[in-house]
PDB file of all heavy atoms in Angstrom:
ATOM      1  N   ALA A   1      -8.908 -14.728   5.530  1.00  0.00           N
ATOM      2  CA  ALA A   1      -8.371 -14.142   4.304  1.00  0.00           C
ATOM      3  C   ALA A   1      -9.340 -14.324   3.139  1.00  0.00           C
ATOM      4  O   ALA A   1      -9.580 -13.398   2.351  1.00  0.00           O
ATOM      5  CB  ALA A   1      -7.025 -14.785   3.973  1.00  0.00           C
ATOM      6  N   ALA A   2      -9.905 -15.509   3.022  1.00  0.00           N
ATOM      7  CA  ALA A   2     -10.861 -15.771   1.948  1.00  0.00           C
ATOM      8  C   ALA A   2     -12.103 -14.900   2.079  1.00  0.00           C
ATOM      9  O   ALA A   2     -12.657 -14.419   1.090  1.00  0.00           O
ATOM     10  CB  ALA A   2     -11.250 -17.253   1.947  1.00  0.00           C
ATOM     11  N   ALA A   3     -12.542 -14.682   3.321  1.00  0.00           N
ATOM     12  CA  ALA A   3     -13.719 -13.836   3.550  1.00  0.00           C
ATOM     13  C   ALA A   3     -13.469 -12.414   3.075  1.00  0.00           C
ATOM     14  O   ALA A   3     -14.327 -11.785   2.445  1.00  0.00           O
ATOM     15  CB  ALA A   3     -14.101 -13.864   5.023  1.00  0.00           C
ATOM     16  N   TRP A   4     -12.294 -11.876   3.375  1.00  0.00           N
ATOM     17  CA  TRP A   4     -11.984 -10.517   2.944  1.00  0.00           C
ATOM     18  C   TRP A   4     -11.926 -10.410   1.420  1.00  0.00           C
ATOM     19  O   TRP A   4     -12.338  -9.388   0.848  1.00  0.00           O
ATOM     20  CB  TRP A   4     -10.642 -10.076   3.522  1.00  0.00           C
ATOM     21  CG  TRP A   4     -10.698  -9.676   4.954  1.00  0.00           C
ATOM     22  CD1 TRP A   4     -10.060 -10.277   6.011  1.00  0.00           C
ATOM     23  CD2 TRP A   4     -11.428  -8.581   5.517  1.00  0.00           C
ATOM     24  NE1 TRP A   4     -10.356  -9.628   7.186  1.00  0.00           N
ATOM     25  CE2 TRP A   4     -11.190  -8.580   6.912  1.00  0.00           C
ATOM     26  CE3 TRP A   4     -12.256  -7.603   4.979  1.00  0.00           C
ATOM     27  CZ2 TRP A   4     -11.756  -7.644   7.765  1.00  0.00           C
ATOM     28  CZ3 TRP A   4     -12.826  -6.659   5.820  1.00  0.00           C
ATOM     29  CH2 TRP A   4     -12.574  -6.683   7.197  1.00  0.00           C
ATOM     30  N   LEU A   5     -11.458 -11.441   0.757  1.00  0.00           N
ATOM     31  CA  LEU A   5     -11.193 -11.357  -0.682  1.00  0.00           C
ATOM     32  C   LEU A   5     -12.312 -11.908  -1.562  1.00  0.00           C
ATOM     33  O   LEU A   5     -12.272 -11.734  -2.778  1.00  0.00           O
ATOM     34  CB  LEU A   5      -9.890 -12.114  -0.999  1.00  0.00           C
ATOM     35  CG  LEU A   5      -8.604 -11.514  -0.411  1.00  0.00           C
ATOM     36  CD1 LEU A   5      -7.478 -12.548  -0.421  1.00  0.00           C
ATOM     37  CD2 LEU A   5      -8.190 -10.268  -1.196  1.00  0.00           C
ATOM     38  N   HIS A   6     -13.326 -12.528  -0.975  1.00  0.00           N
ATOM     39  CA  HIS A   6     -14.255 -13.301  -1.799  1.00  0.00           C
ATOM     40  C   HIS A   6     -15.080 -12.461  -2.764  1.00  0.00           C
ATOM     41  O   HIS A   6     -15.457 -12.942  -3.841  1.00  0.00           O
ATOM     42  CB  HIS A   6     -15.181 -14.158  -0.906  1.00  0.00           C
ATOM     43  CG  HIS A   6     -16.334 -13.426  -0.301  1.00  0.00           C
ATOM     44  ND1 HIS A   6     -16.208 -12.569   0.777  1.00  0.00           N
ATOM     45  CD2 HIS A   6     -17.656 -13.441  -0.592  1.00  0.00           C
ATOM     46  CE1 HIS A   6     -17.380 -12.085   1.109  1.00  0.00           C
ATOM     47  NE2 HIS A   6     -18.286 -12.593   0.290  1.00  0.00           N
ATOM     48  N   ASP A   7     -15.348 -11.206  -2.447  1.00  0.00           N
ATOM     49  CA  ASP A   7     -16.201 -10.388  -3.308  1.00  0.00           C
ATOM     50  C   ASP A   7     -15.479  -9.199  -3.939  1.00  0.00           C
ATOM     51  O   ASP A   7     -16.122  -8.236  -4.368  1.00  0.00           O
ATOM     52  CB  ASP A   7     -17.413  -9.881  -2.517  1.00  0.00           C
ATOM     53  CG  ASP A   7     -18.620 -10.798  -2.637  1.00  0.00           C
ATOM     54  OD1 ASP A   7     -18.598 -11.725  -3.466  1.00  0.00           O
ATOM     55  OD2 ASP A   7     -19.595 -10.592  -1.885  1.00  0.00           O
ATOM     56  N   ILE A   8     -14.160  -9.270  -4.037  1.00  0.00           N
ATOM     57  CA  ILE A   8     -13.427  -8.123  -4.592  1.00  0.00           C
ATOM     58  C   ILE A   8     -13.767  -7.879  -6.065  1.00  0.00           C
ATOM     59  O   ILE A   8     -13.536  -6.779  -6.576  1.00  0.00           O
ATOM     60  CB  ILE A   8     -11.896  -8.274  -4.422  1.00  0.00           C
ATOM     61  CG1 ILE A   8     -11.385  -9.545  -5.107  1.00  0.00           C
ATOM     62  CG2 ILE A   8     -11.511  -8.254  -2.937  1.00  0.00           C
ATOM     63  CD1 ILE A   8      -9.851  -9.667  -5.095  1.00  0.00           C
ATOM     64  N   GLY A   9     -14.327  -8.864  -6.729  1.00  0.00           N
ATOM     65  CA  GLY A   9     -14.689  -8.689  -8.131  1.00  0.00           C
ATOM     66  C   GLY A   9     -16.103  -8.187  -8.354  1.00  0.00           C
ATOM     67  O   GLY A   9     -16.491  -7.904  -9.497  1.00  0.00           O
ATOM     68  N   ARG A  10     -16.882  -8.068  -7.307  1.00  0.00           N
ATOM     69  CA  ARG A  10     -18.291  -7.673  -7.453  1.00  0.00           C
ATOM     70  C   ARG A  10     -18.480  -6.321  -8.152  1.00  0.00           C
ATOM     71  O   ARG A  10     -19.337  -6.195  -9.032  1.00  0.00           O
ATOM     72  CB  ARG A  10     -18.973  -7.655  -6.090  1.00  0.00           C
ATOM     73  CG  ARG A  10     -19.485  -9.004  -5.628  1.00  0.00           C
ATOM     74  CD  ARG A  10     -20.686  -9.444  -6.450  1.00  0.00           C
ATOM     75  NE  ARG A  10     -21.307 -10.644  -5.893  1.00  0.00           N
ATOM     76  CZ  ARG A  10     -22.414 -11.191  -6.362  1.00  0.00           C
ATOM     77  NH1 ARG A  10     -23.020 -10.638  -7.400  1.00  0.00           N
ATOM     78  NH2 ARG A  10     -22.912 -12.272  -5.813  1.00  0.00           N
ATOM     79  N   PRO A  11     -17.731  -5.276  -7.776  1.00  0.00           N
ATOM     80  CA  PRO A  11     -17.927  -3.999  -8.481  1.00  0.00           C
ATOM     81  C   PRO A  11     -17.676  -4.109  -9.981  1.00  0.00           C
ATOM     82  O   PRO A  11     -18.398  -3.497 -10.776  1.00  0.00           O
ATOM     83  CB  PRO A  11     -16.908  -3.071  -7.804  1.00  0.00           C
ATOM     84  CG  PRO A  11     -16.728  -3.665  -6.431  1.00  0.00           C
ATOM     85  CD  PRO A  11     -16.788  -5.146  -6.651  1.00  0.00           C
ATOM     86  N   ARG A  12     -16.687  -4.890 -10.384  1.00  0.00           N
ATOM     87  CA  ARG A  12     -16.393  -5.047 -11.810  1.00  0.00           C
ATOM     88  C   ARG A  12     -17.468  -5.867 -12.514  1.00  0.00           C
ATOM     89  O   ARG A  12     -17.814  -5.600 -13.659  1.00  0.00           O
ATOM     90  CB  ARG A  12     -15.015  -5.700 -11.982  1.00  0.00           C
ATOM     91  CG  ARG A  12     -13.859  -4.782 -11.637  1.00  0.00           C
ATOM     92  CD  ARG A  12     -12.546  -5.545 -11.567  1.00  0.00           C
ATOM     93  NE  ARG A  12     -11.408  -4.649 -11.444  1.00  0.00           N
ATOM     94  CZ  ARG A  12     -11.028  -4.057 -10.318  1.00  0.00           C
ATOM     95  NH1 ARG A  12     -11.709  -4.283  -9.204  1.00  0.00           N
ATOM     96  NH2 ARG A  12      -9.997  -3.243 -10.289  1.00  0.00           N
ATOM     97  N   GLU A  13     -17.988  -6.874 -11.833  1.00  0.00           N
ATOM     98  CA  GLU A  13     -19.051  -7.673 -12.421  1.00  0.00           C
ATOM     99  C   GLU A  13     -20.308  -6.825 -12.609  1.00  0.00           C
ATOM    100  O   GLU A  13     -21.003  -6.932 -13.622  1.00  0.00           O
ATOM    101  CB  GLU A  13     -19.357  -8.879 -11.541  1.00  0.00           C
ATOM    102  CG  GLU A  13     -20.389  -9.832 -12.133  1.00  0.00           C
ATOM    103  CD  GLU A  13     -20.691 -11.003 -11.213  1.00  0.00           C
ATOM    104  OE1 GLU A  13     -21.360 -10.781 -10.178  1.00  0.00           O
ATOM    105  OE2 GLU A  13     -20.245 -12.125 -11.507  1.00  0.00           O
ATOM    106  N   ARG A  14     -20.593  -5.972 -11.642  1.00  0.00           N
ATOM    107  CA  ARG A  14     -21.805  -5.132 -11.711  1.00  0.00           C
ATOM    108  C   ARG A  14     -21.758  -4.197 -12.912  1.00  0.00           C
ATOM    109  O   ARG A  14     -22.789  -3.944 -13.550  1.00  0.00           O
ATOM    110  CB  ARG A  14     -21.943  -4.326 -10.410  1.00  0.00           C
ATOM    111  CG  ARG A  14     -23.100  -3.343 -10.402  1.00  0.00           C
ATOM    112  CD  ARG A  14     -23.247  -2.686  -9.049  1.00  0.00           C
ATOM    113  NE  ARG A  14     -22.041  -2.035  -8.595  1.00  0.00           N
ATOM    114  CZ  ARG A  14     -21.665  -0.801  -8.984  1.00  0.00           C
ATOM    115  NH1 ARG A  14     -22.415  -0.118  -9.825  1.00  0.00           N
ATOM    116  NH2 ARG A  14     -20.549  -0.278  -8.506  1.00  0.00           N
ATOM    117  N   THR A  15     -20.578  -3.675 -13.231  1.00  0.00           N
ATOM    118  CA  THR A  15     -20.459  -2.740 -14.347  1.00  0.00           C
ATOM    119  C   THR A  15     -20.221  -3.432 -15.681  1.00  0.00           C
ATOM    120  O   THR A  15     -20.099  -2.767 -16.704  1.00  0.00           O
ATOM    121  CB  THR A  15     -19.318  -1.744 -14.089  1.00  0.00           C
ATOM    122  OG1 THR A  15     -18.086  -2.458 -13.901  1.00  0.00           O
ATOM    123  CG2 THR A  15     -19.609  -0.911 -12.846  1.00  0.00           C
ATOM    124  N   GLY A  16     -20.140  -4.762 -15.669  1.00  0.00           N
ATOM    125  CA  GLY A  16     -19.949  -5.503 -16.908  1.00  0.00           C
ATOM    126  C   GLY A  16     -18.511  -5.640 -17.340  1.00  0.00           C
ATOM    127  O   GLY A  16     -18.232  -6.151 -18.433  1.00  0.00           O
ATOM    128  N   GLU A  17     -17.574  -5.222 -16.496  1.00  0.00           N
ATOM    129  CA  GLU A  17     -16.154  -5.320 -16.840  1.00  0.00           C
ATOM    130  C   GLU A  17     -15.686  -6.766 -16.863  1.00  0.00           C
ATOM    131  O   GLU A  17     -14.799  -7.140 -17.638  1.00  0.00           O
ATOM    132  CB  GLU A  17     -15.332  -4.512 -15.832  1.00  0.00           C
ATOM    133  CG  GLU A  17     -13.859  -4.430 -16.147  1.00  0.00           C
ATOM    134  CD  GLU A  17     -13.111  -3.570 -15.141  1.00  0.00           C
ATOM    135  OE1 GLU A  17     -13.754  -2.757 -14.443  1.00  0.00           O
ATOM    136  OE2 GLU A  17     -11.878  -3.728 -15.059  1.00  0.00           O
ATOM    137  N   ILE A  18     -16.264  -7.596 -15.983  1.00  0.00           N
ATOM    138  CA  ILE A  18     -15.975  -9.026 -15.963  1.00  0.00           C
ATOM    139  C   ILE A  18     -17.303  -9.782 -15.933  1.00  0.00           C
ATOM    140  O   ILE A  18     -18.342  -9.213 -15.601  1.00  0.00           O
ATOM    141  CB  ILE A  18     -15.115  -9.424 -14.743  1.00  0.00           C
ATOM    142  CG1 ILE A  18     -15.855  -9.076 -13.435  1.00  0.00           C
ATOM    143  CG2 ILE A  18     -13.756  -8.753 -14.806  1.00  0.00           C
ATOM    144  CD1 ILE A  18     -15.143  -9.549 -12.182  1.00  0.00           C
ATOM    145  N   ASP A  19     -17.251 -11.068 -16.277  1.00  0.00           N
ATOM    146  CA  ASP A  19     -18.466 -11.877 -16.331  1.00  0.00           C
ATOM    147  C   ASP A  19     -18.716 -12.658 -15.040  1.00  0.00           C
ATOM    148  O   ASP A  19     -19.867 -12.895 -14.672  1.00  0.00           O
ATOM    149  CB  ASP A  19     -18.398 -12.870 -17.501  1.00  0.00           C
ATOM    150  CG  ASP A  19     -18.428 -12.169 -18.842  1.00  0.00           C
ATOM    151  OD1 ASP A  19     -19.100 -11.118 -18.946  1.00  0.00           O
ATOM    152  OD2 ASP A  19     -17.773 -12.661 -19.781  1.00  0.00           O
ATOM    153  N   ASN A  20     -17.655 -13.075 -14.369  1.00  0.00           N
ATOM    154  CA  ASN A  20     -17.801 -13.950 -13.204  1.00  0.00           C
ATOM    155  C   ASN A  20     -16.872 -13.482 -12.089  1.00  0.00           C
ATOM    156  O   ASN A  20     -15.653 -13.618 -12.191  1.00  0.00           O
ATOM    157  CB  ASN A  20     -17.489 -15.396 -13.589  1.00  0.00           C
ATOM    158  CG  ASN A  20     -17.803 -16.389 -12.489  1.00  0.00           C
ATOM    159  OD1 ASN A  20     -17.400 -16.212 -11.352  1.00  0.00           O
ATOM    160  ND2 ASN A  20     -18.514 -17.451 -12.835  1.00  0.00           N
ATOM    161  N   HIS A  21     -17.450 -12.917 -11.029  1.00  0.00           N
ATOM    162  CA  HIS A  21     -16.601 -12.365  -9.975  1.00  0.00           C
ATOM    163  C   HIS A  21     -15.875 -13.444  -9.189  1.00  0.00           C
ATOM    164  O   HIS A  21     -14.810 -13.186  -8.608  1.00  0.00           O
ATOM    165  CB  HIS A  21     -17.424 -11.488  -9.026  1.00  0.00           C
ATOM    166  CG  HIS A  21     -18.269 -12.244  -8.054  1.00  0.00           C
ATOM    167  ND1 HIS A  21     -19.482 -12.791  -8.381  1.00  0.00           N
ATOM    168  CD2 HIS A  21     -18.062 -12.542  -6.733  1.00  0.00           C
ATOM    169  CE1 HIS A  21     -19.996 -13.379  -7.324  1.00  0.00           C
ATOM    170  NE2 HIS A  21     -19.164 -13.258  -6.301  1.00  0.00           N
ATOM    171  N   ASP A  22     -16.414 -14.665  -9.152  1.00  0.00           N
ATOM    172  CA  ASP A  22     -15.747 -15.759  -8.437  1.00  0.00           C
ATOM    173  C   ASP A  22     -14.403 -16.092  -9.104  1.00  0.00           C
ATOM    174  O   ASP A  22     -13.356 -16.154  -8.443  1.00  0.00           O
ATOM    175  CB  ASP A  22     -16.611 -17.019  -8.422  1.00  0.00           C
ATOM    176  CG  ASP A  22     -17.977 -16.780  -7.825  1.00  0.00           C
ATOM    177  OD1 ASP A  22     -18.122 -15.808  -7.075  1.00  0.00           O
ATOM    178  OD2 ASP A  22     -18.888 -17.571  -8.109  1.00  0.00           O
ATOM    179  N   GLU A  23     -14.461 -16.317 -10.413  1.00  0.00           N
ATOM    180  CA  GLU A  23     -13.254 -16.689 -11.150  1.00  0.00           C
ATOM    181  C   GLU A  23     -12.244 -15.551 -11.145  1.00  0.00           C
ATOM    182  O   GLU A  23     -11.039 -15.770 -10.965  1.00  0.00           O
ATOM    183  CB  GLU A  23     -13.619 -17.082 -12.575  1.00  0.00           C
ATOM    184  CG  GLU A  23     -14.470 -18.337 -12.676  1.00  0.00           C
ATOM    185  CD  GLU A  23     -14.837 -18.667 -14.118  1.00  0.00           C
ATOM    186  OE1 GLU A  23     -14.431 -17.906 -15.014  1.00  0.00           O
ATOM    187  OE2 GLU A  23     -15.519 -19.690 -14.338  1.00  0.00           O
ATOM    188  N   TRP A  24     -12.741 -14.332 -11.348  1.00  0.00           N
ATOM    189  CA  TRP A  24     -11.830 -13.183 -11.385  1.00  0.00           C
ATOM    190  C   TRP A  24     -11.170 -12.984 -10.033  1.00  0.00           C
ATOM    191  O   TRP A  24      -9.959 -12.776  -9.949  1.00  0.00           O
ATOM    192  CB  TRP A  24     -12.601 -11.936 -11.793  1.00  0.00           C
ATOM    193  CG  TRP A  24     -11.715 -10.747 -12.013  1.00  0.00           C
ATOM    194  CD1 TRP A  24     -11.098 -10.376 -13.171  1.00  0.00           C
ATOM    195  CD2 TRP A  24     -11.314  -9.783 -11.019  1.00  0.00           C
ATOM    196  NE1 TRP A  24     -10.356  -9.234 -12.967  1.00  0.00           N
ATOM    197  CE2 TRP A  24     -10.469  -8.855 -11.661  1.00  0.00           C
ATOM    198  CE3 TRP A  24     -11.609  -9.616  -9.664  1.00  0.00           C
ATOM    199  CZ2 TRP A  24      -9.905  -7.767 -10.983  1.00  0.00           C
ATOM    200  CZ3 TRP A  24     -11.037  -8.547  -8.989  1.00  0.00           C
ATOM    201  CH2 TRP A  24     -10.196  -7.629  -9.649  1.00  0.00           C
ATOM    202  N   ALA A  25     -11.949 -13.044  -8.961  1.00  0.00           N
ATOM    203  CA  ALA A  25     -11.395 -12.848  -7.620  1.00  0.00           C
ATOM    204  C   ALA A  25     -10.408 -13.943  -7.261  1.00  0.00           C
ATOM    205  O   ALA A  25      -9.423 -13.690  -6.557  1.00  0.00           O
ATOM    206  CB  ALA A  25     -12.519 -12.792  -6.594  1.00  0.00           C
ATOM    207  N   THR A  26     -10.649 -15.158  -7.726  1.00  0.00           N
ATOM    208  CA  THR A  26      -9.732 -16.261  -7.461  1.00  0.00           C
ATOM    209  C   THR A  26      -8.355 -15.964  -8.053  1.00  0.00           C
ATOM    210  O   THR A  26      -7.323 -16.103  -7.373  1.00  0.00           O
ATOM    211  CB  THR A  26     -10.284 -17.570  -8.055  1.00  0.00           C
ATOM    212  OG1 THR A  26     -11.528 -17.892  -7.421  1.00  0.00           O
ATOM    213  CG2 THR A  26      -9.305 -18.715  -7.860  1.00  0.00           C
ATOM    214  N   ALA A  27      -8.339 -15.532  -9.302  1.00  0.00           N
ATOM    215  CA  ALA A  27      -7.071 -15.227  -9.973  1.00  0.00           C
ATOM    216  C   ALA A  27      -6.411 -13.985  -9.371  1.00  0.00           C
ATOM    217  O   ALA A  27      -5.193 -13.949  -9.160  1.00  0.00           O
ATOM    218  CB  ALA A  27      -7.300 -15.033 -11.466  1.00  0.00           C
ATOM    219  N   GLU A  28      -7.212 -12.961  -9.098  1.00  0.00           N
ATOM    220  CA  GLU A  28      -6.670 -11.718  -8.554  1.00  0.00           C
ATOM    221  C   GLU A  28      -6.101 -11.933  -7.153  1.00  0.00           C
ATOM    222  O   GLU A  28      -5.023 -11.430  -6.832  1.00  0.00           O
ATOM    223  CB  GLU A  28      -7.771 -10.653  -8.515  1.00  0.00           C
ATOM    224  CG  GLU A  28      -7.305  -9.276  -8.095  1.00  0.00           C
ATOM    225  CD  GLU A  28      -6.534  -8.533  -9.157  1.00  0.00           C
ATOM    226  OE1 GLU A  28      -6.347  -9.110 -10.263  1.00  0.00           O
ATOM    227  OE2 GLU A  28      -6.119  -7.388  -8.899  1.00  0.00           O
ATOM    228  N   ALA A  29      -6.824 -12.687  -6.334  1.00  0.00           N
ATOM    229  CA  ALA A  29      -6.343 -12.957  -4.983  1.00  0.00           C
ATOM    230  C   ALA A  29      -5.041 -13.753  -5.008  1.00  0.00           C
ATOM    231  O   ALA A  29      -4.118 -13.489  -4.226  1.00  0.00           O
ATOM    232  CB  ALA A  29      -7.405 -13.721  -4.188  1.00  0.00           C
ATOM    233  N   ALA A  30      -4.963 -14.720  -5.896  1.00  0.00           N
ATOM    234  CA  ALA A  30      -3.735 -15.515  -6.015  1.00  0.00           C
ATOM    235  C   ALA A  30      -2.546 -14.629  -6.372  1.00  0.00           C
ATOM    236  O   ALA A  30      -1.462 -14.761  -5.792  1.00  0.00           O
ATOM    237  CB  ALA A  30      -3.920 -16.606  -7.070  1.00  0.00           C
ATOM    238  N   ALA A  31      -2.746 -13.706  -7.310  1.00  0.00           N
ATOM    239  CA  ALA A  31      -1.663 -12.810  -7.721  1.00  0.00           C
ATOM    240  C   ALA A  31      -1.266 -11.872  -6.574  1.00  0.00           C
ATOM    241  O   ALA A  31      -0.067 -11.638  -6.337  1.00  0.00           O
ATOM    242  CB  ALA A  31      -2.102 -12.003  -8.936  1.00  0.00           C
ATOM    243  N   LEU A  32      -2.249 -11.343  -5.867  1.00  0.00           N
ATOM    244  CA  LEU A  32      -1.962 -10.436  -4.748  1.00  0.00           C
ATOM    245  C   LEU A  32      -1.178 -11.141  -3.648  1.00  0.00           C
ATOM    246  O   LEU A  32      -0.196 -10.597  -3.114  1.00  0.00           O
ATOM    247  CB  LEU A  32      -3.277  -9.902  -4.174  1.00  0.00           C
ATOM    248  CG  LEU A  32      -4.067  -8.914  -5.033  1.00  0.00           C
ATOM    249  CD1 LEU A  32      -5.444  -8.680  -4.411  1.00  0.00           C
ATOM    250  CD2 LEU A  32      -3.319  -7.602  -5.185  1.00  0.00           C
ATOM    251  N   LEU A  33      -1.607 -12.338  -3.298  1.00  0.00           N
ATOM    252  CA  LEU A  33      -0.967 -13.074  -2.206  1.00  0.00           C
ATOM    253  C   LEU A  33       0.417 -13.584  -2.603  1.00  0.00           C
ATOM    254  O   LEU A  33       1.344 -13.612  -1.783  1.00  0.00           O
ATOM    255  CB  LEU A  33      -1.867 -14.230  -1.772  1.00  0.00           C
ATOM    256  CG  LEU A  33      -3.206 -13.808  -1.155  1.00  0.00           C
ATOM    257  CD1 LEU A  33      -4.113 -15.016  -0.964  1.00  0.00           C
ATOM    258  CD2 LEU A  33      -3.002 -13.081   0.171  1.00  0.00           C
ATOM    259  N   GLU A  34       0.552 -13.970  -3.861  1.00  0.00           N
ATOM    260  CA  GLU A  34       1.864 -14.422  -4.334  1.00  0.00           C
ATOM    261  C   GLU A  34       2.873 -13.278  -4.279  1.00  0.00           C
ATOM    262  O   GLU A  34       4.045 -13.479  -3.916  1.00  0.00           O
ATOM    263  CB  GLU A  34       1.748 -14.949  -5.764  1.00  0.00           C
ATOM    264  CG  GLU A  34       3.040 -15.528  -6.307  1.00  0.00           C
ATOM    265  CD  GLU A  34       2.881 -16.128  -7.691  1.00  0.00           C
ATOM    266  OE1 GLU A  34       1.734 -16.177  -8.197  1.00  0.00           O
ATOM    267  OE2 GLU A  34       3.905 -16.552  -8.278  1.00  0.00           O
ATOM    268  N   ALA A  35       2.418 -12.079  -4.606  1.00  0.00           N
ATOM    269  CA  ALA A  35       3.303 -10.910  -4.564  1.00  0.00           C
ATOM    270  C   ALA A  35       3.746 -10.594  -3.141  1.00  0.00           C
ATOM    271  O   ALA A  35       4.775  -9.937  -2.935  1.00  0.00           O
ATOM    272  CB  ALA A  35       2.595  -9.706  -5.168  1.00  0.00           C
ATOM    273  N   GLU A  36       2.978 -11.068  -2.162  1.00  0.00           N
ATOM    274  CA  GLU A  36       3.316 -10.855  -0.757  1.00  0.00           C
ATOM    275  C   GLU A  36       4.051 -12.046  -0.155  1.00  0.00           C
ATOM    276  O   GLU A  36       4.194 -12.142   1.067  1.00  0.00           O
ATOM    277  CB  GLU A  36       2.038 -10.578   0.046  1.00  0.00           C
ATOM    278  CG  GLU A  36       1.317  -9.310  -0.363  1.00  0.00           C
ATOM    279  CD  GLU A  36       2.097  -8.051  -0.004  1.00  0.00           C
ATOM    280  OE1 GLU A  36       2.920  -8.112   0.947  1.00  0.00           O
ATOM    281  OE2 GLU A  36       1.880  -7.013  -0.658  1.00  0.00           O
ATOM    282  N   ALA A  37       4.468 -12.963  -1.007  1.00  0.00           N
ATOM    283  CA  ALA A  37       5.258 -14.135  -0.593  1.00  0.00           C
ATOM    284  C   ALA A  37       4.487 -15.092   0.302  1.00  0.00           C
ATOM    285  O   ALA A  37       5.069 -15.784   1.147  1.00  0.00           O
ATOM    286  CB  ALA A  37       6.560 -13.700   0.089  1.00  0.00           C
ATOM    287  N   VAL A  38       3.176 -15.148   0.150  1.00  0.00           N
ATOM    288  CA  VAL A  38       2.376 -16.153   0.853  1.00  0.00           C
ATOM    289  C   VAL A  38       2.648 -17.504   0.207  1.00  0.00           C
ATOM    290  O   VAL A  38       2.793 -17.605  -1.016  1.00  0.00           O
ATOM    291  CB  VAL A  38       0.877 -15.804   0.773  1.00  0.00           C
ATOM    292  CG1 VAL A  38       0.024 -16.877   1.441  1.00  0.00           C
ATOM    293  CG2 VAL A  38       0.618 -14.448   1.415  1.00  0.00           C
ATOM    294  N   SER A  39       2.719 -18.547   0.990  1.00  0.00           N
ATOM    295  CA  SER A  39       3.065 -19.866   0.465  1.00  0.00           C
ATOM    296  C   SER A  39       2.009 -20.355  -0.521  1.00  0.00           C
ATOM    297  O   SER A  39       0.815 -20.015  -0.408  1.00  0.00           O
ATOM    298  CB  SER A  39       3.207 -20.874   1.602  1.00  0.00           C
ATOM    299  OG  SER A  39       1.949 -21.154   2.182  1.00  0.00           O
ATOM    300  N   SER A  40       2.437 -21.145  -1.472  1.00  0.00           N
ATOM    301  CA  SER A  40       1.520 -21.663  -2.490  1.00  0.00           C
ATOM    302  C   SER A  40       0.435 -22.536  -1.859  1.00  0.00           C
ATOM    303  O   SER A  40      -0.707 -22.558  -2.347  1.00  0.00           O
ATOM    304  CB  SER A  40       2.292 -22.468  -3.539  1.00  0.00           C
ATOM    305  OG  SER A  40       2.998 -23.554  -2.931  1.00  0.00           O
ATOM    306  N   GLU A  41       0.756 -23.242  -0.785  1.00  0.00           N
ATOM    307  CA  GLU A  41      -0.224 -24.081  -0.116  1.00  0.00           C
ATOM    308  C   GLU A  41      -1.353 -23.246   0.474  1.00  0.00           C
ATOM    309  O   GLU A  41      -2.535 -23.590   0.336  1.00  0.00           O
ATOM    310  CB  GLU A  41       0.459 -24.891   0.992  1.00  0.00           C
ATOM    311  CG  GLU A  41      -0.487 -25.821   1.741  1.00  0.00           C
ATOM    312  CD  GLU A  41       0.218 -26.609   2.825  1.00  0.00           C
ATOM    313  OE1 GLU A  41       1.450 -26.446   2.986  1.00  0.00           O
ATOM    314  OE2 GLU A  41      -0.455 -27.395   3.520  1.00  0.00           O
ATOM    315  N   ARG A  42      -0.992 -22.127   1.105  1.00  0.00           N
ATOM    316  CA  ARG A  42      -2.023 -21.269   1.699  1.00  0.00           C
ATOM    317  C   ARG A  42      -2.823 -20.547   0.624  1.00  0.00           C
ATOM    318  O   ARG A  42      -4.037 -20.373   0.748  1.00  0.00           O
ATOM    319  CB  ARG A  42      -1.387 -20.249   2.644  1.00  0.00           C
ATOM    320  CG  ARG A  42      -0.727 -20.894   3.845  1.00  0.00           C
ATOM    321  CD  ARG A  42      -0.152 -19.842   4.762  1.00  0.00           C
ATOM    322  NE  ARG A  42      -1.038 -19.578   5.885  1.00  0.00           N
ATOM    323  CZ  ARG A  42      -0.855 -18.601   6.753  1.00  0.00           C
ATOM    324  NH1 ARG A  42       0.170 -17.786   6.604  1.00  0.00           N
ATOM    325  NH2 ARG A  42      -1.670 -18.423   7.763  1.00  0.00           N
TER     326      ARG A  42
END
């Protein structure tokens, strides 16, 4: 799961929309997975 999601922020970082794709992807992935009822531990 982490491998699939690790670079989802790269396109936005490349265009200057975000500064750090690691931090952005971390928050975005957490929101996506929480919406799918994935456990907080996972």
